[in-house]
């Protein structure tokens, strides 16, 4: 390894380490967004809005709600109006049904976009949120704007870890303040040297999502396999993959990239499934550059 490359990697390690310390000391919900409630057909969605500028819609992961995205949002909201919302079952278990499908969630998303008066907003999806964004694009291709996905593959991978997580969540009530259970979340950080405080804080936020809701969402991912044989989707896409992501393999990620020819692809060195927590500033910069360059392209075409 060259000396200059080693220096860059050391600087990145320091940056990630500092990010973790800031994250551990911060309040996940302390960004003070504007909040509103939007009545959809199936439930009332809590919506949060940060910053001003061009609107971007963030789709959270399988657990933790939009609060888990706080470090990433804090950087992205410096140049955009960032909007997110809680899926059904996130804040109120009574809005959750065990038979909820991806079609239901895509319909919720479509109603929310319409209710907010948005037209083809960029969708930024993390993990489960990326799966929802892809499913939405299949159902509503003409309404889909730019797609930005991280921690998402073309399909569910039936490895032992995935099967074990599904079995445990469905049949056993886990203790939410058990340090041993919480260390399970460290696996999603790709071997990052996160402090125990940071890991516990991530776990506490994720456990705010009811275990039955997490199990249902995991079941939805198991049935998912993204394919677009007729290339109905005609939107710019950016795909990001942490090289240490234990849930989405390189092969799975490559399959998705092949289904989305022309997508801008980024391999995130040293990062895991929760890359948006490990290096939020770097990821926010990638998203900003992609959207700004895409906007410039559209303006040139329109002129």
Protein backbone atom coordinates (compact mmCIF):
# COMPACT_ATOMS: atom_id res chain seq x y z
CA UNK A 1 0.00 0.00 0.00
CA UNK A 2 1.41 3.44 -0.93
CA UNK A 3 2.20 5.93 1.80
CA UNK A 4 -0.30 8.50 0.47
CA UNK A 5 -3.13 5.93 0.34
CA UNK A 6 -2.30 4.77 3.86
CA UNK A 7 -2.47 8.38 5.06
CA UNK A 8 -5.89 8.88 3.42
CA UNK A 9 -7.22 5.70 5.06
CA UNK A 10 -5.85 6.78 8.45
CA UNK A 11 -7.56 10.17 8.08
CA UNK A 12 -10.83 8.44 7.15
CA UNK A 13 -10.52 6.21 10.24
CA UNK A 14 -10.03 9.28 12.44
CA UNK A 15 -13.03 11.00 10.80
CA UNK A 16 -15.26 7.97 11.38
CA UNK A 17 -14.02 7.67 14.98
CA UNK A 18 -14.84 11.35 15.67
CA UNK A 19 -18.24 10.91 14.05
CA UNK A 20 -18.98 8.06 16.43
CA UNK A 21 -17.98 10.10 19.47
CA UNK A 22 -20.20 12.99 18.32
CA UNK A 23 -23.01 10.53 17.62
CA UNK A 24 -22.71 8.93 21.07
CA UNK A 25 -22.91 12.34 22.75
CA UNK A 26 -25.73 13.69 20.59
CA UNK A 27 -29.48 13.56 20.88
CA UNK A 28 -30.86 11.55 17.97
CA UNK A 29 -34.06 13.57 17.88
CA UNK A 30 -32.44 16.92 18.68
CA UNK A 31 -32.54 18.45 15.19
CA UNK A 32 -35.87 20.17 15.89
CA UNK A 33 -37.67 19.50 12.60
CA UNK A 34 -40.95 21.02 11.59
CA UNK A 35 -43.52 18.29 12.26
CA UNK A 36 -46.93 17.72 10.75
CA UNK A 37 -49.46 14.92 10.54
CA UNK A 38 -50.88 13.76 7.23
CA UNK A 39 -54.03 11.64 7.04
CA UNK A 40 -53.58 8.73 4.66
CA UNK A 41 -56.21 6.13 3.91
CA UNK A 42 -54.74 3.55 6.29
CA UNK A 43 -53.15 5.66 9.03
CA UNK A 44 -52.04 9.15 10.02
CA UNK A 45 -48.38 9.60 9.12
CA UNK A 46 -46.04 11.72 11.21
CA UNK A 47 -43.93 13.84 8.85
CA UNK A 48 -40.73 15.71 9.75
CA UNK A 49 -39.08 18.45 7.67
CA UNK A 50 -35.60 19.92 8.04
CA UNK A 51 -33.91 22.76 6.14
CA UNK A 52 -34.92 24.61 2.98
CA UNK A 53 -34.30 24.18 -0.73
CA UNK A 54 -35.12 21.39 -3.15
CA UNK A 55 -37.15 18.68 -1.36
CA UNK A 56 -35.71 15.20 -0.79
CA UNK A 57 -37.72 12.34 0.71
CA UNK A 58 -35.83 9.97 3.03
CA UNK A 59 -37.08 6.41 3.55
CA UNK A 60 -35.77 4.94 6.84
CA UNK A 61 -34.60 1.39 7.43
CA UNK A 62 -36.30 -1.56 9.06
CA UNK A 63 -36.11 -0.16 12.60
CA UNK A 64 -35.43 3.08 14.44
CA UNK A 65 -37.56 5.40 12.30
CA UNK A 66 -36.23 8.61 10.80
CA UNK A 67 -34.59 9.52 14.13
CA UNK A 68 -31.83 7.01 13.40
CA UNK A 69 -30.91 9.07 10.32
CA UNK A 70 -30.26 12.22 12.39
CA UNK A 71 -26.47 12.48 11.80
CA UNK A 72 -26.95 12.11 8.03
CA UNK A 73 -29.91 14.52 8.00
CA UNK A 74 -27.91 17.19 9.86
CA UNK A 75 -25.46 17.39 6.93
CA UNK A 76 -27.93 16.95 4.07
CA UNK A 77 -30.31 19.62 5.42
CA UNK A 78 -27.61 22.26 4.92
CA UNK A 79 -28.40 22.31 1.20
CA UNK A 80 -31.82 20.70 0.79
CA UNK A 81 -35.24 20.49 2.33
CA UNK A 82 -35.14 17.01 3.86
CA UNK A 83 -38.47 15.28 4.46
CA UNK A 84 -39.10 11.95 6.14
CA UNK A 85 -42.02 10.16 7.74
CA UNK A 86 -42.82 7.23 10.01
CA UNK A 87 -44.10 4.08 8.36
CA UNK A 88 -47.33 2.56 9.61
CA UNK A 89 -46.72 0.82 12.94
CA UNK A 90 -43.67 2.94 13.80
CA UNK A 91 -45.23 5.33 16.31
CA UNK A 92 -48.53 3.57 16.87
CA UNK A 93 -48.71 -0.20 16.98
CA UNK A 94 -52.46 0.11 16.34
CA UNK A 95 -51.79 1.32 12.77
CA UNK A 96 -49.91 -1.90 12.11
CA UNK A 97 -51.48 -5.01 10.57
CA UNK A 98 -49.69 -8.36 10.41
CA UNK A 99 -50.81 -8.67 6.78
CA UNK A 100 -49.24 -5.36 5.71
CA UNK A 101 -47.57 -5.78 2.31
CA UNK A 102 -45.02 -3.85 0.28
CA UNK A 103 -47.92 -2.82 -1.97
CA UNK A 104 -49.58 -1.26 1.09
CA UNK A 105 -46.43 0.66 2.00
CA UNK A 106 -45.91 1.79 -1.60
CA UNK A 107 -49.51 3.05 -1.62
CA UNK A 108 -48.85 4.92 1.65
CA UNK A 109 -45.77 6.51 0.05
CA UNK A 110 -47.70 7.53 -3.06
CA UNK A 111 -50.45 9.14 -0.97
CA UNK A 112 -47.87 10.93 1.16
CA UNK A 113 -46.04 12.35 -1.87
CA UNK A 114 -49.34 13.56 -3.30
CA UNK A 115 -50.50 14.96 0.06
CA UNK A 116 -47.29 16.97 0.41
CA UNK A 117 -47.71 18.39 -3.09
CA UNK A 118 -44.44 16.89 -4.32
CA UNK A 119 -43.76 15.81 -7.88
CA UNK A 120 -41.18 13.09 -8.46
CA UNK A 121 -39.08 13.95 -5.40
CA UNK A 122 -35.70 12.23 -5.07
CA UNK A 123 -36.15 9.13 -2.90
CA UNK A 124 -33.23 8.30 -0.61
CA UNK A 125 -33.72 4.82 0.82
CA UNK A 126 -31.63 2.99 3.39
CA UNK A 127 -31.82 -0.81 3.65
CA UNK A 128 -35.56 -1.56 3.98
CA UNK A 129 -36.26 1.98 2.76
CA UNK A 130 -34.31 1.19 -0.40
CA UNK A 131 -36.43 -1.92 -0.92
CA UNK A 132 -39.56 0.21 -0.57
CA UNK A 133 -38.18 2.78 -3.04
CA UNK A 134 -37.52 0.05 -5.62
CA UNK A 135 -40.96 -1.47 -5.12
CA UNK A 136 -42.52 1.99 -5.47
CA UNK A 137 -40.63 2.52 -8.73
CA UNK A 138 -42.02 -0.78 -10.06
CA UNK A 139 -45.59 0.16 -9.14
CA UNK A 140 -45.42 3.84 -10.07
CA UNK A 141 -42.60 4.22 -12.62
CA UNK A 142 -44.06 7.39 -14.15
CA UNK A 143 -44.17 9.05 -10.71
CA UNK A 144 -40.64 8.07 -9.66
CA UNK A 145 -37.89 10.68 -9.50
CA UNK A 146 -34.18 10.09 -8.81
CA UNK A 147 -33.42 7.03 -6.65
CA UNK A 148 -30.54 6.96 -4.16
CA UNK A 149 -30.08 3.67 -2.31
CA UNK A 150 -27.67 2.42 0.34
CA UNK A 151 -27.62 -1.00 2.01
CA UNK A 152 -30.05 -2.44 -0.55
CA UNK A 153 -29.69 -5.43 -2.86
CA UNK A 154 -31.87 -6.84 -5.60
CA UNK A 155 -33.20 -9.59 -3.34
CA UNK A 156 -33.19 -11.08 0.14
CA UNK A 157 -30.20 -13.32 0.82
CA UNK A 158 -31.10 -16.49 2.66
CA UNK A 159 -27.99 -16.76 4.83
CA UNK A 160 -27.93 -18.17 8.34
CA UNK A 161 -27.84 -14.70 9.92
CA UNK A 162 -30.98 -13.59 8.08
CA UNK A 163 -32.89 -16.77 8.94
CA UNK A 164 -31.80 -16.63 12.58
CA UNK A 165 -32.85 -12.97 12.94
CA UNK A 166 -36.27 -13.68 11.42
CA UNK A 167 -36.85 -16.70 13.66
CA UNK A 168 -35.81 -14.93 16.86
CA UNK A 169 -37.80 -11.75 16.17
CA UNK A 170 -40.93 -13.70 15.29
CA UNK A 171 -40.94 -16.08 18.24
CA UNK A 172 -38.93 -14.62 21.15
CA UNK A 173 -39.32 -11.39 23.08
CA UNK A 174 -35.81 -9.98 23.34
CA UNK A 175 -34.60 -7.88 26.30
CA UNK A 176 -34.05 -4.37 24.98
CA UNK A 177 -31.41 -3.33 27.52
CA UNK A 178 -29.24 -6.44 27.42
CA UNK A 179 -25.63 -5.49 26.52
CA UNK A 180 -25.08 -8.89 24.89
CA UNK A 181 -28.16 -8.49 22.65
CA UNK A 182 -27.17 -4.92 21.83
CA UNK A 183 -23.74 -6.05 20.60
CA UNK A 184 -25.61 -7.77 17.77
CA UNK A 185 -25.93 -4.28 16.26
CA UNK A 186 -22.14 -4.00 16.08
CA UNK A 187 -22.25 -6.51 13.22
CA UNK A 188 -24.03 -3.90 11.09
CA UNK A 189 -21.14 -1.49 11.51
CA UNK A 190 -18.69 -3.50 9.44
CA UNK A 191 -16.12 -3.94 12.17
CA UNK A 192 -16.00 -0.23 13.02
CA UNK A 193 -14.45 0.64 16.38
CA UNK A 194 -17.61 2.21 17.72
CA UNK A 195 -17.77 2.85 21.45
CA UNK A 196 -20.10 0.76 23.59
CA UNK A 197 -22.08 3.96 24.26
CA UNK A 198 -22.65 4.56 20.55
CA UNK A 199 -23.71 0.94 19.96
CA UNK A 200 -26.11 1.06 22.92
CA UNK A 201 -27.59 4.30 21.60
CA UNK A 202 -28.17 2.79 18.15
CA UNK A 203 -29.76 -0.27 19.74
CA UNK A 204 -32.02 1.83 21.98
CA UNK A 205 -33.30 3.79 18.97
CA UNK A 206 -33.88 0.64 16.92
CA UNK A 207 -35.78 -1.04 19.76
CA UNK A 208 -38.26 1.85 19.73
CA UNK A 209 -39.77 0.03 16.76
CA UNK A 210 -42.01 -2.78 18.00
CA UNK A 211 -40.44 -6.21 17.57
CA UNK A 212 -43.54 -7.56 15.76
CA UNK A 213 -43.32 -4.69 13.25
CA UNK A 214 -39.62 -5.42 12.60
CA UNK A 215 -40.45 -9.12 12.09
CA UNK A 216 -43.18 -8.23 9.59
CA UNK A 217 -40.87 -5.95 7.60
CA UNK A 218 -38.23 -8.67 7.54
CA UNK A 219 -40.87 -11.02 6.12
CA UNK A 220 -41.65 -8.50 3.36
CA UNK A 221 -37.98 -8.31 2.37
CA UNK A 222 -37.79 -12.10 2.19
CA UNK A 223 -40.37 -12.06 -0.62
CA UNK A 224 -38.72 -9.20 -2.50
CA UNK A 225 -36.76 -9.61 -5.73
CA UNK A 226 -36.28 -6.49 -7.83
CA UNK A 227 -36.51 -6.93 -11.57
CA UNK A 228 -37.30 -4.41 -14.29
CA UNK A 229 -37.23 -6.51 -17.49
CA UNK A 230 -39.04 -3.90 -19.56
CA UNK A 231 -36.90 -1.03 -18.23
CA UNK A 232 -39.96 0.99 -17.23
CA UNK A 233 -37.89 3.04 -14.80
CA UNK A 234 -36.37 6.03 -16.53
CA UNK A 235 -34.99 7.90 -13.54
CA UNK A 236 -31.39 8.66 -12.56
CA UNK A 237 -30.11 6.30 -9.85
CA UNK A 238 -27.21 6.23 -7.41
CA UNK A 239 -26.29 3.04 -5.54
CA UNK A 240 -24.00 2.87 -2.50
CA UNK A 241 -22.64 -0.27 -0.88
CA UNK A 242 -20.47 -0.65 2.22
CA UNK A 243 -17.69 -3.14 1.53
CA UNK A 244 -18.24 -4.66 5.00
CA UNK A 245 -22.03 -4.91 4.70
CA UNK A 246 -22.93 -8.32 6.16
CA UNK A 247 -26.54 -8.18 4.96
CA UNK A 248 -25.99 -7.26 1.30
CA UNK A 249 -23.22 -9.17 -0.47
CA UNK A 250 -21.19 -7.74 -3.33
CA UNK A 251 -22.87 -10.21 -5.72
CA UNK A 252 -26.34 -9.12 -4.62
CA UNK A 253 -25.40 -5.46 -4.97
CA UNK A 254 -23.95 -6.11 -8.44
CA UNK A 255 -27.20 -7.81 -9.47
CA UNK A 256 -29.10 -4.66 -8.56
CA UNK A 257 -26.62 -2.49 -10.48
CA UNK A 258 -27.17 -4.65 -13.57
CA UNK A 259 -30.93 -4.14 -13.26
CA UNK A 260 -30.34 -0.38 -13.18
CA UNK A 261 -27.95 0.23 -16.10
CA UNK A 262 -26.51 3.70 -16.04
CA UNK A 263 -26.72 3.97 -12.25
CA UNK A 264 -23.90 5.82 -10.51
CA UNK A 265 -22.23 3.27 -8.22
CA UNK A 266 -20.14 3.90 -5.09
CA UNK A 267 -18.29 1.28 -3.06
CA UNK A 268 -17.83 2.57 0.49
CA UNK A 269 -14.52 1.34 1.82
CA UNK A 270 -14.45 0.23 5.46
CA UNK A 271 -18.17 0.85 6.01
CA UNK A 272 -20.96 -1.56 6.90
CA UNK A 273 -24.73 -1.80 6.58
CA UNK A 274 -25.22 1.32 8.73
CA UNK A 275 -22.83 3.39 6.62
CA UNK A 276 -25.09 6.43 7.00
CA UNK A 277 -24.18 6.45 10.71
CA UNK A 278 -20.50 5.69 10.27
CA UNK A 279 -19.71 8.42 7.73
CA UNK A 280 -22.79 10.68 7.44
CA UNK A 281 -20.89 13.71 6.11
CA UNK A 282 -19.22 11.71 3.33
CA UNK A 283 -22.53 10.15 2.31
CA UNK A 284 -24.37 13.48 2.42
CA UNK A 285 -21.69 14.93 0.12
CA UNK A 286 -22.15 12.05 -2.35
CA UNK A 287 -25.92 12.56 -2.38
CA UNK A 288 -25.57 16.34 -2.81
CA UNK A 289 -23.10 16.00 -5.68
CA UNK A 290 -25.30 13.46 -7.45
CA UNK A 291 -28.47 15.55 -7.16
CA UNK A 292 -26.76 18.81 -8.08
CA UNK A 293 -25.09 17.30 -11.16
CA UNK A 294 -28.39 15.70 -12.20
CA UNK A 295 -30.17 19.06 -11.80
CA UNK A 296 -27.52 20.78 -13.92
CA UNK A 297 -27.95 18.12 -16.61
CA UNK A 298 -31.72 18.63 -16.69
CA UNK A 299 -31.34 22.42 -16.93
CA UNK A 300 -28.95 22.03 -19.88
CA UNK A 301 -31.39 19.73 -21.66
CA UNK A 302 -34.27 22.14 -21.05
CA UNK A 303 -32.33 25.19 -22.34
